[in-house]
Protein backbone atom coordinates (compact mmCIF):
# COMPACT_ATOMS: atom_id res chain seq x y z
CA MET A 1 -52.59 -27.26 25.72
CA ASP A 2 -53.31 -25.18 28.83
CA PRO A 3 -54.46 -21.89 27.52
CA THR A 4 -52.62 -20.29 31.03
CA LEU A 5 -49.46 -22.08 29.85
CA ASP A 6 -49.90 -21.04 25.92
CA LYS A 7 -49.93 -17.22 27.35
CA VAL A 8 -47.07 -18.42 29.76
CA LEU A 9 -45.05 -19.09 26.66
CA PHE A 10 -46.23 -16.07 24.12
CA LEU A 11 -44.95 -13.56 27.16
CA PHE A 12 -41.77 -15.22 27.53
CA LEU A 13 -41.23 -15.37 23.94
CA GLY A 14 -42.10 -11.56 23.69
CA TRP A 15 -39.82 -11.15 26.03
CA LEU A 16 -36.61 -13.82 24.48
CA LEU A 17 -37.10 -11.83 21.41
CA GLY A 18 -36.95 -8.03 23.67
CA MET A 19 -33.67 -9.07 24.87
CA LEU A 20 -32.32 -10.75 21.47
CA SER A 21 -33.97 -7.97 19.78
CA PRO A 22 -30.92 -5.16 20.11
CA VAL A 23 -28.01 -7.98 19.74
CA ILE A 24 -29.88 -8.80 16.49
CA VAL A 25 -29.69 -5.37 15.04
CA SER A 26 -26.47 -4.62 16.85
CA ALA A 27 -24.87 -7.64 14.55
CA ILE A 28 -26.03 -6.26 11.98
CA THR A 29 -25.08 -3.42 11.92
CA ARG A 30 -21.86 -3.81 12.69
CA GLU A 31 -21.67 -6.14 9.77
CA ARG A 32 -22.16 -4.06 7.19
CA GLU A 33 -20.44 -0.96 8.67
CA ASN A 34 -17.27 -3.88 8.31
CA ALA A 35 -17.90 -4.33 4.63
CA LEU A 36 -18.04 -0.49 4.24
CA GLY A 37 -15.31 0.13 6.05
CA ARG A 38 -13.40 -3.29 4.43
CA ALA A 39 -14.88 -1.76 1.37
CA ALA A 40 -13.01 1.41 2.39
CA ILE A 41 -9.31 0.64 3.47
CA LEU A 42 -9.05 -1.53 -0.44
CA THR A 43 -10.03 1.83 -2.02
CA GLU A 44 -7.43 3.78 0.05
CA LEU A 45 -4.47 0.58 -0.14
CA ASN A 46 -5.53 0.15 -4.04
CA GLU A 47 -5.22 3.69 -4.65
CA LEU A 48 -1.33 4.01 -2.84
CA ALA A 49 -0.23 0.26 -4.62
CA GLY A 50 -0.80 2.37 -8.09
CA THR A 51 0.79 5.57 -6.56
CA LEU A 52 3.90 3.63 -4.62
CA ALA A 53 4.40 1.81 -8.52
CA ILE A 54 5.29 4.66 -10.19
CA VAL A 55 7.14 6.62 -7.27
CA VAL A 56 9.30 2.88 -7.55
CA TYR A 57 9.71 3.52 -11.51
CA GLY A 58 10.79 7.06 -10.53
CA VAL A 59 13.04 6.08 -7.99
CA ARG A 60 14.48 3.29 -9.18
CA SER A 61 15.06 5.51 -12.96
CA SER A 62 16.76 8.22 -10.59
CA LEU A 63 19.23 4.93 -9.40
CA GLY A 64 19.59 3.62 -13.19
CA THR A 65 18.52 0.30 -11.76
CA VAL A 66 15.88 0.27 -14.19
CA ASP A 67 15.93 -3.82 -16.03
CA ARG A 68 14.32 -6.27 -17.72
CA PRO A 69 12.35 -8.08 -14.64
CA PHE A 70 11.39 -4.81 -13.19
CA LEU A 71 9.74 -3.90 -15.92
CA GLU A 72 8.34 -7.04 -16.28
CA TRP A 73 6.59 -6.68 -12.82
CA LEU A 74 5.79 -3.11 -13.05
CA CYS A 75 3.46 -3.65 -16.42
CA ALA A 76 1.91 -6.81 -14.97
CA PHE A 77 0.77 -4.77 -12.20
CA LEU A 78 -0.30 -2.30 -14.33
CA ASP A 79 -2.66 -5.19 -16.51
CA THR A 80 -4.76 -5.86 -13.75
CA HIS A 81 -4.27 -3.80 -11.11
CA PRO A 82 -7.38 -0.53 -11.40
CA ILE A 83 -5.40 2.59 -12.70
CA PRO A 84 -7.04 5.85 -13.30
CA ALA A 85 -7.09 7.07 -16.86
CA MET A 86 -4.21 9.69 -16.75
CA LEU A 87 -1.92 6.86 -16.14
CA GLN A 88 -2.75 4.66 -19.20
CA GLY A 89 -0.24 6.29 -21.04
CA PHE A 90 2.41 4.92 -18.03
CA LYS A 91 1.16 2.08 -18.47
CA SER A 92 1.89 1.78 -23.34
CA SER A 93 5.40 3.52 -22.47
CA VAL A 94 6.15 0.49 -20.61
CA ARG A 95 5.06 -1.58 -22.50
CA VAL A 96 7.91 0.31 -25.58
CA TYR A 97 10.70 -0.51 -22.48
CA LEU A 98 10.19 -3.28 -22.76
CA SER A 99 10.05 -4.41 -26.70
CA TRP A 100 13.80 -2.65 -26.08
CA SER A 101 16.46 -5.44 -26.08
CA ASP A 102 18.40 -5.88 -22.78
CA GLU A 103 21.53 -3.03 -23.36
CA GLU A 104 18.85 -0.78 -25.12
CA ILE A 105 17.39 -0.77 -22.19
CA ALA A 106 20.37 -0.44 -19.47
CA ARG A 107 21.33 2.66 -21.86
CA GLY A 108 18.09 3.89 -21.44
CA ALA A 109 18.35 3.13 -17.56
CA LYS A 110 22.06 4.72 -17.41
CA TYR A 111 20.97 8.54 -19.67
CA MET A 112 17.60 8.58 -16.90
CA ALA A 113 19.75 8.17 -13.97
CA SER A 114 20.25 11.33 -12.02
CA TRP A 115 23.62 12.36 -10.46
CA PRO A 116 24.54 10.73 -7.08
CA GLY A 117 22.80 12.32 -4.12
CA THR A 118 20.70 14.79 -6.67
CA SER A 119 17.08 12.82 -6.90
CA ALA A 120 14.25 14.29 -5.24
CA MET A 121 12.88 14.35 -1.76
CA LEU A 122 10.64 11.01 -0.90
CA GLN A 123 6.76 11.76 0.49
CA ARG A 124 4.83 10.03 2.72
CA TYR A 125 1.80 8.86 1.63
CA PRO A 126 -0.40 8.45 4.58
CA VAL A 127 -3.70 5.36 5.20
CA PRO A 128 -6.12 7.57 7.39
CA LEU A 129 -8.62 5.33 6.60
CA LEU A 130 -6.96 2.13 7.39
CA ASP A 131 -5.23 4.17 10.35
CA ALA A 132 -9.24 5.86 11.77
CA ARG A 133 -9.84 1.46 11.80
CA VAL A 134 -6.85 0.04 13.11
CA SER A 135 -8.38 -0.43 16.71
CA ALA A 136 -11.18 -2.04 15.12
CA LEU A 137 -9.23 -4.43 12.84
CA TRP A 138 -10.40 -6.98 15.52
CA THR A 139 -13.61 -6.97 13.28
CA PHE A 140 -12.56 -8.00 10.83
CA ASP A 141 -12.09 -12.18 9.76
CA SER A 142 -8.55 -12.91 11.22
CA ASP A 143 -6.38 -13.32 7.51
CA PHE A 144 -7.44 -9.73 6.19
CA GLN A 145 -6.69 -8.15 9.73
CA ARG A 146 -3.49 -9.88 9.67
CA ARG A 147 -2.21 -8.87 5.75
CA LEU A 148 -3.65 -5.13 6.95
CA LEU A 149 -1.36 -5.09 9.98
CA GLU A 150 1.39 -6.23 7.82
CA ILE A 151 1.10 -3.63 5.62
CA ARG A 152 0.54 -1.01 8.12
CA ARG A 153 3.94 -1.90 9.45
CA ASN A 154 5.58 -1.90 5.87
CA ILE A 155 4.44 1.96 5.70
CA ALA A 156 5.51 2.44 8.75
CA LEU A 157 9.23 1.11 8.13
CA LEU A 158 8.81 3.63 4.68
CA ASP A 159 8.21 6.37 6.68
CA ASP A 160 11.09 5.42 8.66
CA ILE A 161 13.63 5.22 5.69
CA VAL A 162 11.83 8.79 4.29
CA ASP A 163 12.42 10.51 7.22
CA ARG A 164 16.15 9.16 7.25
CA SER A 165 16.68 10.15 3.05
CA ARG A 166 15.54 13.66 4.71
CA LYS A 167 18.09 14.14 7.34
CA TYR A 168 20.71 13.37 4.93
CA PHE A 169 18.90 15.07 1.39
CA ASP A 170 18.81 18.59 3.76
CA LEU A 171 23.29 17.45 4.79
CA THR A 172 23.87 17.76 0.98
CA PHE A 173 23.13 21.51 0.76
CA THR A 174 25.66 21.50 3.28
CA LYS A 175 29.34 22.03 3.44
CA LEU A 176 31.19 18.93 4.82
CA GLU A 177 34.76 18.32 4.70
CA GLY A 178 36.87 15.31 3.53
CA ASP A 179 34.80 12.62 2.04
CA ASN A 180 31.66 13.17 4.73
CA GLN A 181 29.96 14.04 1.57
CA GLU A 182 30.09 11.59 -1.13
CA LEU A 183 28.90 9.53 2.61
CA VAL A 184 25.74 11.98 2.39
CA LYS A 185 24.80 10.88 -0.85
CA GLY A 186 25.78 7.04 -0.87
CA ASN A 187 23.98 7.13 2.64
CA LEU A 188 20.63 9.00 0.77
CA ASN A 189 21.26 6.86 -2.06
CA GLN A 190 20.97 3.51 -0.22
CA CYS A 191 17.89 5.30 1.06
CA TYR A 192 16.07 4.91 -1.57
CA GLU A 193 17.61 1.76 -2.82
CA LEU A 194 15.83 0.27 0.87
CA TYR A 195 12.33 3.21 -0.36
CA ALA A 196 12.25 1.21 -4.17
CA THR A 197 12.85 -2.33 -2.59
CA ARG A 198 10.08 -2.19 0.77
CA ALA A 199 7.16 0.08 -1.01
CA LYS A 200 7.73 -2.75 -4.05
CA MET A 201 6.84 -5.26 -0.74
CA VAL A 202 4.04 -2.67 -0.04
CA VAL A 203 2.65 -3.07 -4.27
CA GLU A 204 2.49 -6.42 -4.15
CA GLN A 205 1.42 -7.40 -0.58
CA ILE A 206 -1.66 -4.78 -1.67
CA ALA A 207 -2.20 -6.84 -4.53
CA GLU A 208 -2.95 -10.12 -2.58
CA LEU A 209 -4.54 -8.93 -0.31
CA ARG A 210 -7.05 -7.49 -3.43
CA ASN A 211 -7.22 -10.83 -4.34
CA ALA A 212 -8.13 -12.47 -1.38
CA ALA A 213 -10.54 -10.56 -0.93
CA SER A 214 -12.28 -10.60 -4.26
CA GLU A 215 -12.64 -14.44 -3.44
CA VAL A 216 -14.19 -14.47 -0.10
């Protein structure tokens, strides 16, 4: 081969590698950042799921709606979800609760129920890592994106329920005429029921996301 041609090809190859190097480095960096971001978001959401599962139990306890199907769901979640050591005792209590008959569970739920409209205020549970990555979700695969956006949408709906419940909660301390006081308490309890349903949905979605991520 012509030595001149060899030199030209060598120079061209060097130029091409020089042009592609930043692209390659950028791709590797982005992939690494995506992996770290994905892991951080999953950790945050796993912690949220554990918190919400306990909150749902607390809300349903205050409403007197704890039953066997719910306890079975909660126990299954606690068995498969990474929870801190401090919650191991709670999991044991749920197992004891499940050993009761349906009638005993119903009596226990009735005993634990709060007076209508006297439950504690619901709380917001922020997801700062997820929110910080919303603008960059396109860098994740489409299924992961879809699942994260659905979870974020339901968290936003939870926040809306919290805001509504606080308005009704404040009104319970206001002297209202006629049946308005009972209407406020009824609306407040309805917010609690909606919250428990929506929060349980978020817990299930996070568990599904974690399982899907572990299969990748």
